[in-house]
Structure formats: C-alpha cells, structure tokens
PDB file of N, CA and C in Angstrom:
ATOM      1  N   MET A   1     125.107 103.132  97.737  1.00  0.00           N
ATOM      2  CA  MET A   1     125.705 102.682  98.965  1.00  0.00           C
ATOM      3  C   MET A   1     125.769 101.161  99.015  1.00  0.00           C
ATOM      4  N   LEU A   2     124.688 100.494  98.650  1.00  0.00           N
ATOM      5  CA  LEU A   2     124.657  99.027  98.666  1.00  0.00           C
ATOM      6  C   LEU A   2     125.723  98.455  97.743  1.00  0.00           C
ATOM      7  N   GLU A   3     125.818  99.007  96.547  1.00  0.00           N
ATOM      8  CA  GLU A   3     126.794  98.500  95.589  1.00  0.00           C
ATOM      9  C   GLU A   3     128.218  98.720  96.084  1.00  0.00           C
ATOM     10  N   ALA A   4     128.481  99.880  96.634  1.00  0.00           N
ATOM     11  CA  ALA A   4     129.819 100.191  97.119  1.00  0.00           C
ATOM     12  C   ALA A   4     130.220  99.306  98.288  1.00  0.00           C
ATOM     13  N   GLU A   5     129.293  99.025  99.194  1.00  0.00           N
ATOM     14  CA  GLU A   5     129.622  98.253 100.387  1.00  0.00           C
ATOM     15  C   GLU A   5     129.590  96.743 100.161  1.00  0.00           C
ATOM     16  N   GLU A   6     128.636  96.259  99.394  1.00  0.00           N
ATOM     17  CA  GLU A   6     128.429  94.821  99.263  1.00  0.00           C
ATOM     18  C   GLU A   6     128.747  94.261  97.880  1.00  0.00           C
ATOM     19  N   GLY A   7     129.001  95.108  96.906  1.00  0.00           N
ATOM     20  CA  GLY A   7     129.331  94.639  95.568  1.00  0.00           C
ATOM     21  C   GLY A   7     128.132  94.181  94.756  1.00  0.00           C
ATOM     22  N   VAL A   8     126.928  94.609  95.113  1.00  0.00           N
ATOM     23  CA  VAL A   8     125.729  94.266  94.346  1.00  0.00           C
ATOM     24  C   VAL A   8     125.017  95.548  93.921  1.00  0.00           C
ATOM     25  N   SER A   9     124.317  95.473  92.792  1.00  0.00           N
ATOM     26  CA  SER A   9     123.625  96.660  92.300  1.00  0.00           C
ATOM     27  C   SER A   9     122.112  96.564  92.473  1.00  0.00           C
ATOM     28  N   THR A  10     121.600  95.384  92.803  1.00  0.00           N
ATOM     29  CA  THR A  10     120.167  95.217  93.036  1.00  0.00           C
ATOM     30  C   THR A  10     119.941  94.381  94.282  1.00  0.00           C
ATOM     31  N   ALA A  11     118.820  94.635  94.935  1.00  0.00           N
ATOM     32  CA  ALA A  11     118.439  93.860  96.118  1.00  0.00           C
ATOM     33  C   ALA A  11     116.952  94.034  96.347  1.00  0.00           C
ATOM     34  N   ALA A  12     116.340  93.032  96.990  1.00  0.00           N
ATOM     35  CA  ALA A  12     114.915  93.121  97.287  1.00  0.00           C
ATOM     36  C   ALA A  12     114.593  92.348  98.555  1.00  0.00           C
ATOM     37  N   ILE A  13     113.628  92.854  99.289  1.00  0.00           N
ATOM     38  CA  ILE A  13     113.032  92.135 100.408  1.00  0.00           C
ATOM     39  C   ILE A  13     111.579  91.930 100.013  1.00  0.00           C
ATOM     40  N   ASN A  14     111.148  90.670 100.003  1.00  0.00           N
ATOM     41  CA  ASN A  14     109.795  90.332  99.563  1.00  0.00           C
ATOM     42  C   ASN A  14     109.045  89.606 100.663  1.00  0.00           C
ATOM     43  N   VAL A  15     107.734  89.740 100.624  1.00  0.00           N
ATOM     44  CA  VAL A  15     106.843  88.939 101.447  1.00  0.00           C
ATOM     45  C   VAL A  15     106.079  88.051 100.478  1.00  0.00           C
ATOM     46  N   ILE A  16     106.031  86.760 100.789  1.00  0.00           N
ATOM     47  CA  ILE A  16     105.345  85.835  99.890  1.00  0.00           C
ATOM     48  C   ILE A  16     104.212  85.156 100.643  1.00  0.00           C
ATOM     49  N   ASP A  17     103.048  85.079  99.989  1.00  0.00           N
ATOM     50  CA  ASP A  17     101.923  84.372 100.590  1.00  0.00           C
ATOM     51  C   ASP A  17     101.594  83.162  99.728  1.00  0.00           C
ATOM     52  N   ASP A  18     100.416  82.606  99.893  1.00  0.00           N
ATOM     53  CA  ASP A  18     100.088  81.391  99.155  1.00  0.00           C
ATOM     54  C   ASP A  18      99.833  81.633  97.670  1.00  0.00           C
ATOM     55  N   ARG A  19      99.735  82.895  97.244  1.00  0.00           N
ATOM     56  CA  ARG A  19      99.487  83.206  95.834  1.00  0.00           C
ATOM     57  C   ARG A  19     100.441  84.217  95.213  1.00  0.00           C
ATOM     58  N   TRP A  20     100.983  85.156  96.008  1.00  0.00           N
ATOM     59  CA  TRP A  20     101.717  86.295  95.453  1.00  0.00           C
ATOM     60  C   TRP A  20     103.029  86.553  96.171  1.00  0.00           C
ATOM     61  N   GLN A  21     103.957  87.177  95.451  1.00  0.00           N
ATOM     62  CA  GLN A  21     105.174  87.729  96.040  1.00  0.00           C
ATOM     63  C   GLN A  21     105.027  89.247  95.987  1.00  0.00           C
ATOM     64  N   HIS A  22     105.149  89.885  97.151  1.00  0.00           N
ATOM     65  CA  HIS A  22     104.984  91.335  97.272  1.00  0.00           C
ATOM     66  C   HIS A  22     106.319  91.967  97.647  1.00  0.00           C
ATOM     67  N   PRO A  23     106.858  92.860  96.810  1.00  0.00           N
ATOM     68  CA  PRO A  23     108.099  93.548  97.166  1.00  0.00           C
ATOM     69  C   PRO A  23     107.842  94.569  98.274  1.00  0.00           C
ATOM     70  N   ILE A  24     108.673  94.540  99.300  1.00  0.00           N
ATOM     71  CA  ILE A  24     108.556  95.471 100.418  1.00  0.00           C
ATOM     72  C   ILE A  24     109.612  96.572 100.311  1.00  0.00           C
ATOM     73  N   ALA A  25     110.828  96.191  99.975  1.00  0.00           N
ATOM     74  CA  ALA A  25     111.917  97.155  99.781  1.00  0.00           C
ATOM     75  C   ALA A  25     112.736  96.696  98.573  1.00  0.00           C
ATOM     76  N   VAL A  26     112.982  97.609  97.637  1.00  0.00           N
ATOM     77  CA  VAL A  26     113.688  97.269  96.398  1.00  0.00           C
ATOM     78  C   VAL A  26     114.712  98.348  96.092  1.00  0.00           C
ATOM     79  N   VAL A  27     115.901  97.923  95.655  1.00  0.00           N
ATOM     80  CA  VAL A  27     116.955  98.845  95.237  1.00  0.00           C
ATOM     81  C   VAL A  27     117.459  98.382  93.877  1.00  0.00           C
ATOM     82  N   GLY A  28     117.524  99.290  92.911  1.00  0.00           N
ATOM     83  CA  GLY A  28     118.141  98.994  91.627  1.00  0.00           C
ATOM     84  C   GLY A  28     117.196  98.544  90.532  1.00  0.00           C
ATOM     85  N   PHE A  29     115.910  98.384  90.812  1.00  0.00           N
ATOM     86  CA  PHE A  29     114.936  98.041  89.785  1.00  0.00           C
ATOM     87  C   PHE A  29     113.535  98.379  90.283  1.00  0.00           C
ATOM     88  N   GLU A  30     112.571  98.365  89.370  1.00  0.00           N
ATOM     89  CA  GLU A  30     111.188  98.686  89.727  1.00  0.00           C
ATOM     90  C   GLU A  30     110.542  97.489  90.413  1.00  0.00           C
ATOM     91  N   PRO A  31     109.863  97.705  91.538  1.00  0.00           N
ATOM     92  CA  PRO A  31     109.180  96.605  92.207  1.00  0.00           C
ATOM     93  C   PRO A  31     107.961  96.128  91.409  1.00  0.00           C
ATOM     94  N   VAL A  32     107.753  94.813  91.403  1.00  0.00           N
ATOM     95  CA  VAL A  32     106.632  94.227  90.682  1.00  0.00           C
ATOM     96  C   VAL A  32     106.051  93.097  91.531  1.00  0.00           C
ATOM     97  N   VAL A  33     104.746  93.117  91.741  1.00  0.00           N
ATOM     98  CA  VAL A  33     104.063  91.998  92.385  1.00  0.00           C
ATOM     99  C   VAL A  33     103.943  90.901  91.339  1.00  0.00           C
ATOM    100  N   CYS A  34     104.269  89.666  91.721  1.00  0.00           N
ATOM    101  CA  CYS A  34     104.149  88.566  90.768  1.00  0.00           C
ATOM    102  C   CYS A  34     103.534  87.352  91.443  1.00  0.00           C
ATOM    103  N   ALA A  35     103.053  86.440  90.636  1.00  0.00           N
ATOM    104  CA  ALA A  35     102.486  85.201  91.158  1.00  0.00           C
ATOM    105  C   ALA A  35     103.578  84.403  91.866  1.00  0.00           C
ATOM    106  N   ARG A  36     103.210  83.710  92.930  1.00  0.00           N
ATOM    107  CA  ARG A  36     104.177  82.923  93.706  1.00  0.00           C
ATOM    108  C   ARG A  36     104.945  81.954  92.808  1.00  0.00           C
ATOM    109  N   GLU A  37     104.246  81.275  91.898  1.00  0.00           N
ATOM    110  CA  GLU A  37     104.922  80.289  91.051  1.00  0.00           C
ATOM    111  C   GLU A  37     105.898  80.922  90.067  1.00  0.00           C
ATOM    112  N   ASP A  38     105.772  82.232  89.809  1.00  0.00           N
ATOM    113  CA  ASP A  38     106.688  82.940  88.917  1.00  0.00           C
ATOM    114  C   ASP A  38     107.845  83.604  89.666  1.00  0.00           C
ATOM    115  N   SER A  39     107.818  83.546  90.983  1.00  0.00           N
ATOM    116  CA  SER A  39     108.821  84.249  91.785  1.00  0.00           C
ATOM    117  C   SER A  39     110.119  83.456  91.888  1.00  0.00           C
ATOM    118  N   MET A  40     111.203  84.155  92.199  1.00  0.00           N
ATOM    119  CA  MET A  40     112.477  83.481  92.445  1.00  0.00           C
ATOM    120  C   MET A  40     112.385  82.606  93.697  1.00  0.00           C
ATOM    121  N   CYS A  41     111.524  82.987  94.628  1.00  0.00           N
ATOM    122  CA  CYS A  41     111.337  82.182  95.840  1.00  0.00           C
ATOM    123  C   CYS A  41     110.818  80.794  95.509  1.00  0.00           C
ATOM    124  N   ALA A  42     110.075  80.650  94.424  1.00  0.00           N
ATOM    125  CA  ALA A  42     109.517  79.357  94.043  1.00  0.00           C
ATOM    126  C   ALA A  42     110.609  78.328  93.762  1.00  0.00           C
ATOM    127  N   ALA A  43     111.809  78.801  93.437  1.00  0.00           N
ATOM    128  CA  ALA A  43     112.915  77.879  93.175  1.00  0.00           C
ATOM    129  C   ALA A  43     113.355  77.150  94.432  1.00  0.00           C
ATOM    130  N   VAL A  44     113.139  77.738  95.593  1.00  0.00           N
ATOM    131  CA  VAL A  44     113.590  77.129  96.848  1.00  0.00           C
ATOM    132  C   VAL A  44     112.474  76.895  97.858  1.00  0.00           C
ATOM    133  N   LEU A  45     111.298  77.440  97.602  1.00  0.00           N
ATOM    134  CA  LEU A  45     110.175  77.327  98.516  1.00  0.00           C
ATOM    135  C   LEU A  45     109.113  76.429  97.882  1.00  0.00           C
ATOM    136  N   PRO A  46     108.922  75.210  98.410  1.00  0.00           N
ATOM    137  CA  PRO A  46     107.949  74.296  97.802  1.00  0.00           C
ATOM    138  C   PRO A  46     106.540  74.889  97.805  1.00  0.00           C
ATOM    139  N   ALA A  47     105.752  74.511  96.811  1.00  0.00           N
ATOM    140  CA  ALA A  47     104.386  75.021  96.691  1.00  0.00           C
ATOM    141  C   ALA A  47     103.541  74.688  97.911  1.00  0.00           C
ATOM    142  N   ASP A  48     103.841  73.569  98.567  1.00  0.00           N
ATOM    143  CA  ASP A  48     103.045  73.175  99.731  1.00  0.00           C
ATOM    144  C   ASP A  48     103.670  73.611 101.057  1.00  0.00           C
ATOM    145  N   ALA A  49     104.669  74.508 100.992  1.00  0.00           N
ATOM    146  CA  ALA A  49     105.287  75.016 102.234  1.00  0.00           C
ATOM    147  C   ALA A  49     104.239  75.780 103.025  1.00  0.00           C
ATOM    148  N   PRO A  50     104.213  75.569 104.335  1.00  0.00           N
ATOM    149  CA  PRO A  50     103.208  76.271 105.143  1.00  0.00           C
ATOM    150  C   PRO A  50     103.436  77.774 105.135  1.00  0.00           C
ATOM    151  N   SER A  51     102.347  78.503 105.163  1.00  0.00           N
ATOM    152  CA  SER A  51     102.447  79.948 105.308  1.00  0.00           C
ATOM    153  C   SER A  51     101.742  80.316 106.611  1.00  0.00           C
ATOM    154  N   GLN A  52     102.295  81.263 107.311  1.00  0.00           N
ATOM    155  CA  GLN A  52     101.747  81.662 108.600  1.00  0.00           C
ATOM    156  C   GLN A  52     100.579  82.599 108.399  1.00  0.00           C
ATOM    157  N   ARG A  53      99.536  82.390 109.125  1.00  0.00           N
ATOM    158  CA  ARG A  53      98.359  83.235 109.053  1.00  0.00           C
ATOM    159  C   ARG A  53      98.181  83.951 110.376  1.00  0.00           C
ATOM    160  N   PRO A  54      97.719  85.214 110.329  1.00  0.00           N
ATOM    161  CA  PRO A  54      97.497  85.945 111.593  1.00  0.00           C
ATOM    162  C   PRO A  54      96.348  85.362 112.402  1.00  0.00           C
TER     163      PRO A  54
END
C-alpha cells in the first residue's frame, strides 16, 4: 500500500535517545536497533542536540 500510494518501498519511524535509535514502525526491511552515531538521524541531528526526558 505504501509503495502504491507514495512511490516508496521502505519506511521507518524511529525514536532516538542519547545513545540508541529504536525502530517503532518499519515497512520493507527488518528493524534493527543501532547506536545513535550510526543512525541516519546522526546526519541531521547534532550529537549535542537536547533530548527530552520524562
């Protein structure tokens, strides 16, 4: 459905904290927890960006 409507075959919603990226919803590939510095978010999210704490 995603590919037919939006023209993409993969998508992910992730939550990132000060150390890890956690996949919450994934389509088109296996979800993998990875280190924050290895995540795609690291390309646009500075290492010193604030993270919200409960």
